[in-house]
Every structure is written in C-alpha cells, then in structure tokens.
Amino acid sequence: MSTSEKTNTKIYKLPKLKDNGSNYNMWKFCQTTVLKLRGLFGVANGTNNLPDSLTKAKQKDTAKVASYKDLIAKWTKRDKDAFAQITLNMEDGAMADIMDTTTSNAVWTQIIEQWEGKGIQSLSFLYQQLTSTKILEDDDIATGLNNLLSIASKMKTLGEPVSNLMMAQIMMNVLPPTYAIVNTVIQTTNQASAVTPLMVKEAALKEEERRKNGTGITAMFSHLPAKSKLSNAKLSNLNSKTSVEKTKVLRA
C-alpha cells in the first residue's frame, strides 16, 4: 500500500449527485478522480478485494495470522473511507436507493447500474438529462447545445429518437432567460416551416456573437435565407424591443 493510500483520509466535498441523476456524468468523473487520488478506486470498483482467507497451514503460523489481521483491518478501513466518499456526496433522494448497501463496491456498482444500465434504465437517465439541463449565463452556448444533441443521439441509438420539433423546443427552453429573443426570432422567421435544432443552434450562436461584438439584432438574421428574413421595419422594431425584454428578464 502506498503512502498516499495510508495518509490521504480526507473526504472531498463534491457537487452532490442529484436525485434525478442529471449531473451523473460530471459527478462520476469527479468521484473517480478523488477515489484514485485517495488510493480507494480499486476497492470501490471491485478490482482490489478483501484478502483471501488463510489456508489451514498458515492459520497455525502466529506471525502470518497477525499479518493477515492487519491486512483485513487496513482493507476494511479503506472500504469504509471509499463508502463515505461516495455516499456523503449524494442528495437524499439519490441516497435512498443505496441505503441497503454496506460496502463501497456494492454502492458504486448499484449507482452505475442505475444510471448506466441498458434499455429503459439508460433511456430514463438520458431523458432526465435532456429535460433537466440548463445553460447558465456564463456557459458556452455551443458546448451546452452540443451536449443536448449528443444526448438525443444516444437516445436514438437506443431506439427512442427525439423529433426535430421537440428537440428544437427543448434547446430553446435550456437557453438562459436573457436569450428569450432567440425564441422570438425563431418563431417569427420560420412561420411557414418546421423549426429544427439547427435553426435554434444557429440563432443562439448568432445572439451570443452579437452580444460579444455589441452589434444590433440584425446580425442574428444573416444566416437565414432571403425569403425568411424580416423587413427592415420589423427588424427595427425587434431591435428596439431587445433591451426592454432583457430588462424585464433581469428584473424578474
């Protein structure tokens, strides 16, 4: 056993696993990193198991019996440390599902099976991620929307594709409140056609770019076909409303 395994007994406080598992991937990555740092990951994932029992011959050797008891005590301590590290970083609802477990490997395995299981379990997890995700004001818009599209792609692989219209609506709903103008732009410029995820992504990225460059709302329409663009009068009207909408959102 390494020195770090003996001395690093600190329980690292991480963002707790949410009841609906919406932050599971991030939580698992952080937990895996910390468990490895503390030398406990092998105990948690089952690759470092309780030492085998002594043979009858070795049980007659006092020194070997004492050494074996020491190994058992150390392994048990590491198992308890791993168990605490995992369970104390979970919300109450998520913890309720693993309260019958007594070892770190049992709790780690059960959590993975719950959120990474095949079929309906995996679909449930992905759906919860899809509907619970929110992009914050300071988040990168492209990264957030690409994550949603990746989740939808996984659901399609499992035989449950998300329709373009539904996906587009979900993408508009996850945008920060101050991006409400994107919804207005999408609905106004695509009245005669179905809204698609690509339309939402392009409009959101244009709005992000417009904010960074300090340009008017007209820039958001540069990627649209000519027949979809608004008249100058309507663009001017939207420009005048943009600051008002932002003010209302920020005051809410």
Protein backbone atom coordinates (compact mmCIF):
# COMPACT_ATOMS: atom_id res chain seq x y z
CA MET A 1 0.00 0.00 0.00
CA SER A 2 1.41 3.40 -0.95
CA THR A 3 1.98 6.25 1.49
CA SER A 4 -0.79 8.30 -0.11
CA GLU A 5 -3.22 5.45 0.49
CA LYS A 6 -2.31 5.42 4.16
CA THR A 7 -2.42 9.15 4.83
CA ASN A 8 -4.97 10.67 2.46
CA THR A 9 -8.13 10.16 4.51
CA LYS A 10 -9.78 13.48 3.66
CA ILE A 11 -13.37 13.28 2.38
CA TYR A 12 -13.53 15.62 -0.60
CA LYS A 13 -16.72 17.66 -0.83
CA LEU A 14 -18.01 17.47 -4.40
CA PRO A 15 -21.21 18.65 -6.07
CA LYS A 16 -23.75 16.12 -4.82
CA LEU A 17 -25.31 13.55 -7.15
CA LYS A 18 -28.76 14.96 -7.83
CA ASP A 19 -31.92 12.98 -7.18
CA ASN A 20 -32.71 12.83 -10.90
CA GLY A 21 -29.14 11.98 -11.92
CA SER A 22 -28.93 15.00 -14.24
CA ASN A 23 -25.31 15.65 -13.19
CA TYR A 24 -24.30 11.98 -13.05
CA ASN A 25 -21.54 12.10 -15.68
CA MET A 26 -19.80 15.03 -14.01
CA TRP A 27 -20.32 13.51 -10.55
CA LYS A 28 -18.88 10.15 -11.59
CA PHE A 29 -15.83 11.80 -13.16
CA CYS A 30 -15.15 13.84 -10.01
CA GLN A 31 -15.69 10.85 -7.72
CA THR A 32 -13.44 8.61 -9.82
CA THR A 33 -10.72 11.27 -9.74
CA VAL A 34 -10.92 11.65 -5.96
CA LEU A 35 -11.12 7.90 -5.28
CA LYS A 36 -7.98 7.39 -7.39
CA LEU A 37 -6.27 10.28 -5.63
CA ARG A 38 -7.01 8.66 -2.28
CA GLY A 39 -5.98 5.19 -3.47
CA LEU A 40 -9.51 3.86 -2.99
CA PHE A 41 -10.78 3.32 -6.52
CA GLY A 42 -9.70 -0.33 -6.68
CA VAL A 43 -11.74 -1.07 -3.57
CA ALA A 44 -14.77 0.75 -4.96
CA ASN A 45 -14.74 -0.84 -8.42
CA GLY A 46 -14.03 -4.34 -7.13
CA THR A 47 -10.53 -4.86 -8.51
CA ASN A 48 -8.99 -4.70 -5.03
CA ASN A 49 -10.95 -7.18 -2.95
CA LEU A 50 -10.82 -8.39 0.63
CA PRO A 51 -7.70 -10.54 1.12
CA ASP A 52 -8.30 -14.28 0.73
CA SER A 53 -8.65 -16.32 3.89
CA LEU A 54 -5.56 -18.05 5.22
CA THR A 55 -5.08 -21.72 4.50
CA LYS A 56 -5.24 -24.11 7.43
CA ALA A 57 -1.48 -24.42 7.35
CA LYS A 58 -0.96 -20.65 7.53
CA GLN A 59 -3.52 -20.35 10.32
CA LYS A 60 -1.08 -22.24 12.53
CA ASP A 61 1.58 -19.57 11.97
CA THR A 62 1.09 -16.83 14.56
CA ALA A 63 3.06 -14.25 12.58
CA LYS A 64 1.04 -14.88 9.40
CA VAL A 65 -2.22 -14.70 11.32
CA ALA A 66 -1.20 -11.35 12.81
CA SER A 67 -0.16 -10.06 9.38
CA TYR A 68 -3.46 -11.24 7.87
CA LYS A 69 -5.50 -9.49 10.56
CA ASP A 70 -3.55 -6.31 9.87
CA LEU A 71 -4.32 -6.58 6.13
CA ILE A 72 -8.00 -7.14 6.86
CA ALA A 73 -8.13 -4.11 9.16
CA LYS A 74 -6.42 -1.86 6.61
CA TRP A 75 -8.62 -3.06 3.75
CA THR A 76 -11.77 -2.60 5.83
CA LYS A 77 -10.69 0.94 6.71
CA ARG A 78 -10.17 1.75 3.02
CA ASP A 79 -13.55 0.25 2.16
CA LYS A 80 -15.25 2.43 4.78
CA ASP A 81 -13.39 5.51 3.52
CA ALA A 82 -14.48 4.81 -0.06
CA PHE A 83 -18.06 4.18 1.08
CA ALA A 84 -18.14 7.50 2.92
CA GLN A 85 -16.57 9.38 -0.01
CA ILE A 86 -19.24 8.08 -2.37
CA THR A 87 -22.37 8.26 -0.22
CA LEU A 88 -21.74 11.59 1.52
CA ASN A 89 -21.71 13.33 -1.85
CA MET A 90 -25.27 12.38 -2.82
CA GLU A 91 -28.59 14.17 -2.37
CA ASP A 92 -31.12 12.49 -0.08
CA GLY A 93 -33.26 11.16 -2.92
CA ALA A 94 -30.30 9.59 -4.69
CA MET A 95 -29.02 8.15 -1.41
CA ALA A 96 -32.35 6.48 -0.71
CA ASP A 97 -31.69 3.95 -3.46
CA ILE A 98 -28.43 2.69 -1.94
CA MET A 99 -29.14 2.73 1.80
CA ASP A 100 -29.21 -1.06 1.99
CA THR A 101 -25.63 -1.37 0.73
CA THR A 102 -22.79 -1.91 3.17
CA THR A 103 -19.62 -1.86 1.05
CA SER A 104 -18.10 0.67 -1.33
CA ASN A 105 -18.16 -1.80 -4.22
CA ALA A 106 -21.84 -2.53 -3.66
CA VAL A 107 -22.83 1.13 -3.63
CA TRP A 108 -20.57 2.02 -6.58
CA THR A 109 -21.94 -0.87 -8.64
CA GLN A 110 -25.55 -0.04 -7.81
CA ILE A 111 -25.15 3.62 -8.77
CA ILE A 112 -23.56 2.70 -12.11
CA GLU A 113 -26.24 0.13 -12.86
CA GLN A 114 -28.95 2.65 -12.05
CA TRP A 115 -27.67 5.41 -14.32
CA GLU A 116 -25.79 3.44 -16.97
CA GLY A 117 -28.00 0.37 -17.24
CA LYS A 118 -29.21 -0.89 -20.61
CA GLY A 119 -32.62 -0.33 -22.11
CA ILE A 120 -35.22 1.51 -20.10
CA GLN A 121 -32.87 2.50 -17.26
CA SER A 122 -30.44 4.14 -19.66
CA LEU A 123 -33.27 5.85 -21.54
CA SER A 124 -34.69 7.16 -18.28
CA PHE A 125 -31.31 8.60 -17.34
CA LEU A 126 -30.83 10.22 -20.75
CA TYR A 127 -34.34 11.66 -20.76
CA GLN A 128 -33.81 13.18 -17.32
CA GLN A 129 -30.55 14.70 -18.53
CA LEU A 130 -32.27 16.07 -21.63
CA THR A 131 -35.10 17.73 -19.72
CA SER A 132 -33.15 18.86 -16.64
CA THR A 133 -30.17 20.52 -18.33
CA LYS A 134 -29.94 24.31 -18.17
CA ILE A 135 -27.38 26.57 -19.83
CA LEU A 136 -26.30 29.35 -17.47
CA GLU A 137 -25.50 32.93 -18.47
CA ASP A 138 -21.73 32.40 -18.36
CA ASP A 139 -21.77 28.97 -20.03
CA ASP A 140 -20.58 28.39 -23.58
CA ILE A 141 -23.72 28.17 -25.72
CA ALA A 142 -22.24 25.86 -28.37
CA THR A 143 -20.97 23.40 -25.76
CA GLY A 144 -24.31 23.32 -23.96
CA LEU A 145 -26.36 22.75 -27.11
CA ASN A 146 -23.91 20.16 -28.45
CA ASN A 147 -24.25 18.23 -25.20
CA LEU A 148 -28.02 18.14 -25.68
CA LEU A 149 -27.65 16.94 -29.26
CA SER A 150 -25.27 14.23 -28.05
CA ILE A 151 -27.85 13.03 -25.52
CA ALA A 152 -30.52 12.95 -28.23
CA SER A 153 -28.18 10.93 -30.45
CA LYS A 154 -27.70 8.35 -27.69
CA MET A 155 -31.47 8.07 -27.25
CA LYS A 156 -31.85 7.48 -30.98
CA THR A 157 -29.28 4.68 -30.77
CA LEU A 158 -31.42 3.06 -28.07
CA GLY A 159 -34.47 3.22 -30.31
CA GLU A 160 -36.13 6.34 -28.88
CA PRO A 161 -35.40 9.24 -31.25
CA VAL A 162 -36.45 12.75 -30.28
CA SER A 163 -38.37 14.57 -33.03
CA ASN A 164 -36.79 17.67 -34.56
CA LEU A 165 -39.62 19.89 -33.34
CA MET A 166 -39.40 18.55 -29.78
CA MET A 167 -35.60 18.83 -29.77
CA ALA A 168 -35.76 22.39 -31.04
CA GLN A 169 -38.20 23.30 -28.26
CA ILE A 170 -36.00 21.68 -25.62
CA MET A 171 -32.98 23.61 -26.92
CA MET A 172 -34.86 26.91 -26.73
CA ASN A 173 -36.00 26.12 -23.19
CA VAL A 174 -32.49 25.43 -21.87
CA LEU A 175 -31.10 28.77 -23.01
CA PRO A 176 -30.51 31.46 -20.35
CA PRO A 177 -33.55 33.70 -19.64
CA THR A 178 -31.87 36.68 -21.32
CA TYR A 179 -31.80 34.70 -24.59
CA ALA A 180 -35.59 34.88 -24.86
CA ILE A 181 -35.16 36.96 -28.03
CA VAL A 182 -33.92 33.79 -29.77
CA ASN A 183 -37.36 32.24 -29.38
CA THR A 184 -38.91 35.36 -30.88
CA VAL A 185 -36.54 35.29 -33.83
CA ILE A 186 -37.13 31.59 -34.50
CA GLN A 187 -40.90 31.81 -34.33
CA THR A 188 -41.06 34.98 -36.43
CA THR A 189 -38.73 33.92 -39.23
CA ASN A 190 -39.97 30.36 -39.64
CA GLN A 191 -43.73 30.66 -39.57
CA ALA A 192 -44.14 28.63 -42.76
CA SER A 193 -41.67 25.88 -41.93
CA ALA A 194 -40.92 23.47 -39.12
CA VAL A 195 -38.42 24.67 -36.56
CA THR A 196 -35.31 22.47 -36.41
CA PRO A 197 -32.50 22.06 -33.88
CA LEU A 198 -30.07 23.55 -36.41
CA MET A 199 -32.16 26.72 -36.66
CA VAL A 200 -32.15 27.10 -32.88
CA LYS A 201 -28.42 26.48 -32.61
CA GLU A 202 -27.57 28.98 -35.35
CA ALA A 203 -29.85 31.65 -33.88
CA ALA A 204 -28.45 31.13 -30.37
CA LEU A 205 -24.86 31.32 -31.60
CA LYS A 206 -25.66 34.47 -33.57
CA GLU A 207 -27.12 36.03 -30.43
CA GLU A 208 -24.02 35.04 -28.46
CA GLU A 209 -21.81 36.56 -31.15
CA ARG A 210 -23.97 39.70 -31.28
CA ARG A 211 -23.53 40.18 -27.54
CA LYS A 212 -19.77 39.76 -27.73
CA ASN A 213 -19.48 42.19 -30.64
CA GLY A 214 -22.09 44.64 -29.39
CA THR A 215 -23.92 44.63 -32.74
CA GLY A 216 -27.63 45.06 -33.39
CA ILE A 217 -30.12 42.23 -33.60
CA THR A 218 -29.99 42.36 -37.43
CA ALA A 219 -26.81 40.26 -37.21
CA MET A 220 -28.87 37.33 -35.98
CA PHE A 221 -30.61 37.08 -39.38
CA SER A 222 -27.52 37.00 -41.57
CA HIS A 223 -27.55 33.18 -41.80
CA LEU A 224 -31.23 32.93 -42.80
CA PRO A 225 -32.49 32.50 -46.40
CA ALA A 226 -33.65 35.73 -48.05
CA LYS A 227 -37.31 34.68 -48.00
CA SER A 228 -37.16 34.11 -44.26
CA LYS A 229 -35.66 37.47 -43.33
CA LEU A 230 -37.78 40.16 -41.75
CA SER A 231 -38.44 43.52 -43.29
CA ASN A 232 -36.31 46.43 -42.17
CA ALA A 233 -39.28 47.83 -40.26
CA LYS A 234 -39.76 44.62 -38.30
CA LEU A 235 -36.03 44.35 -37.64
CA SER A 236 -36.02 47.87 -36.30
CA ASN A 237 -38.97 47.03 -34.08
CA LEU A 238 -37.23 43.94 -32.69
CA ASN A 239 -34.06 45.95 -32.13
CA SER A 240 -35.98 48.45 -30.02
CA LYS A 241 -37.63 45.66 -28.01
CA THR A 242 -34.47 43.68 -27.27
CA SER A 243 -33.19 45.89 -24.47
CA VAL A 244 -36.67 46.09 -22.96
CA GLU A 245 -37.03 42.28 -22.91
CA LYS A 246 -33.61 41.88 -21.29
CA THR A 247 -34.50 44.44 -18.63
CA LYS A 248 -37.75 42.62 -17.84
CA VAL A 249 -35.95 39.27 -17.55
CA LEU A 250 -33.26 40.66 -15.29
CA ARG A 251 -35.83 42.34 -13.04
CA ALA A 252 -37.96 39.18 -12.77
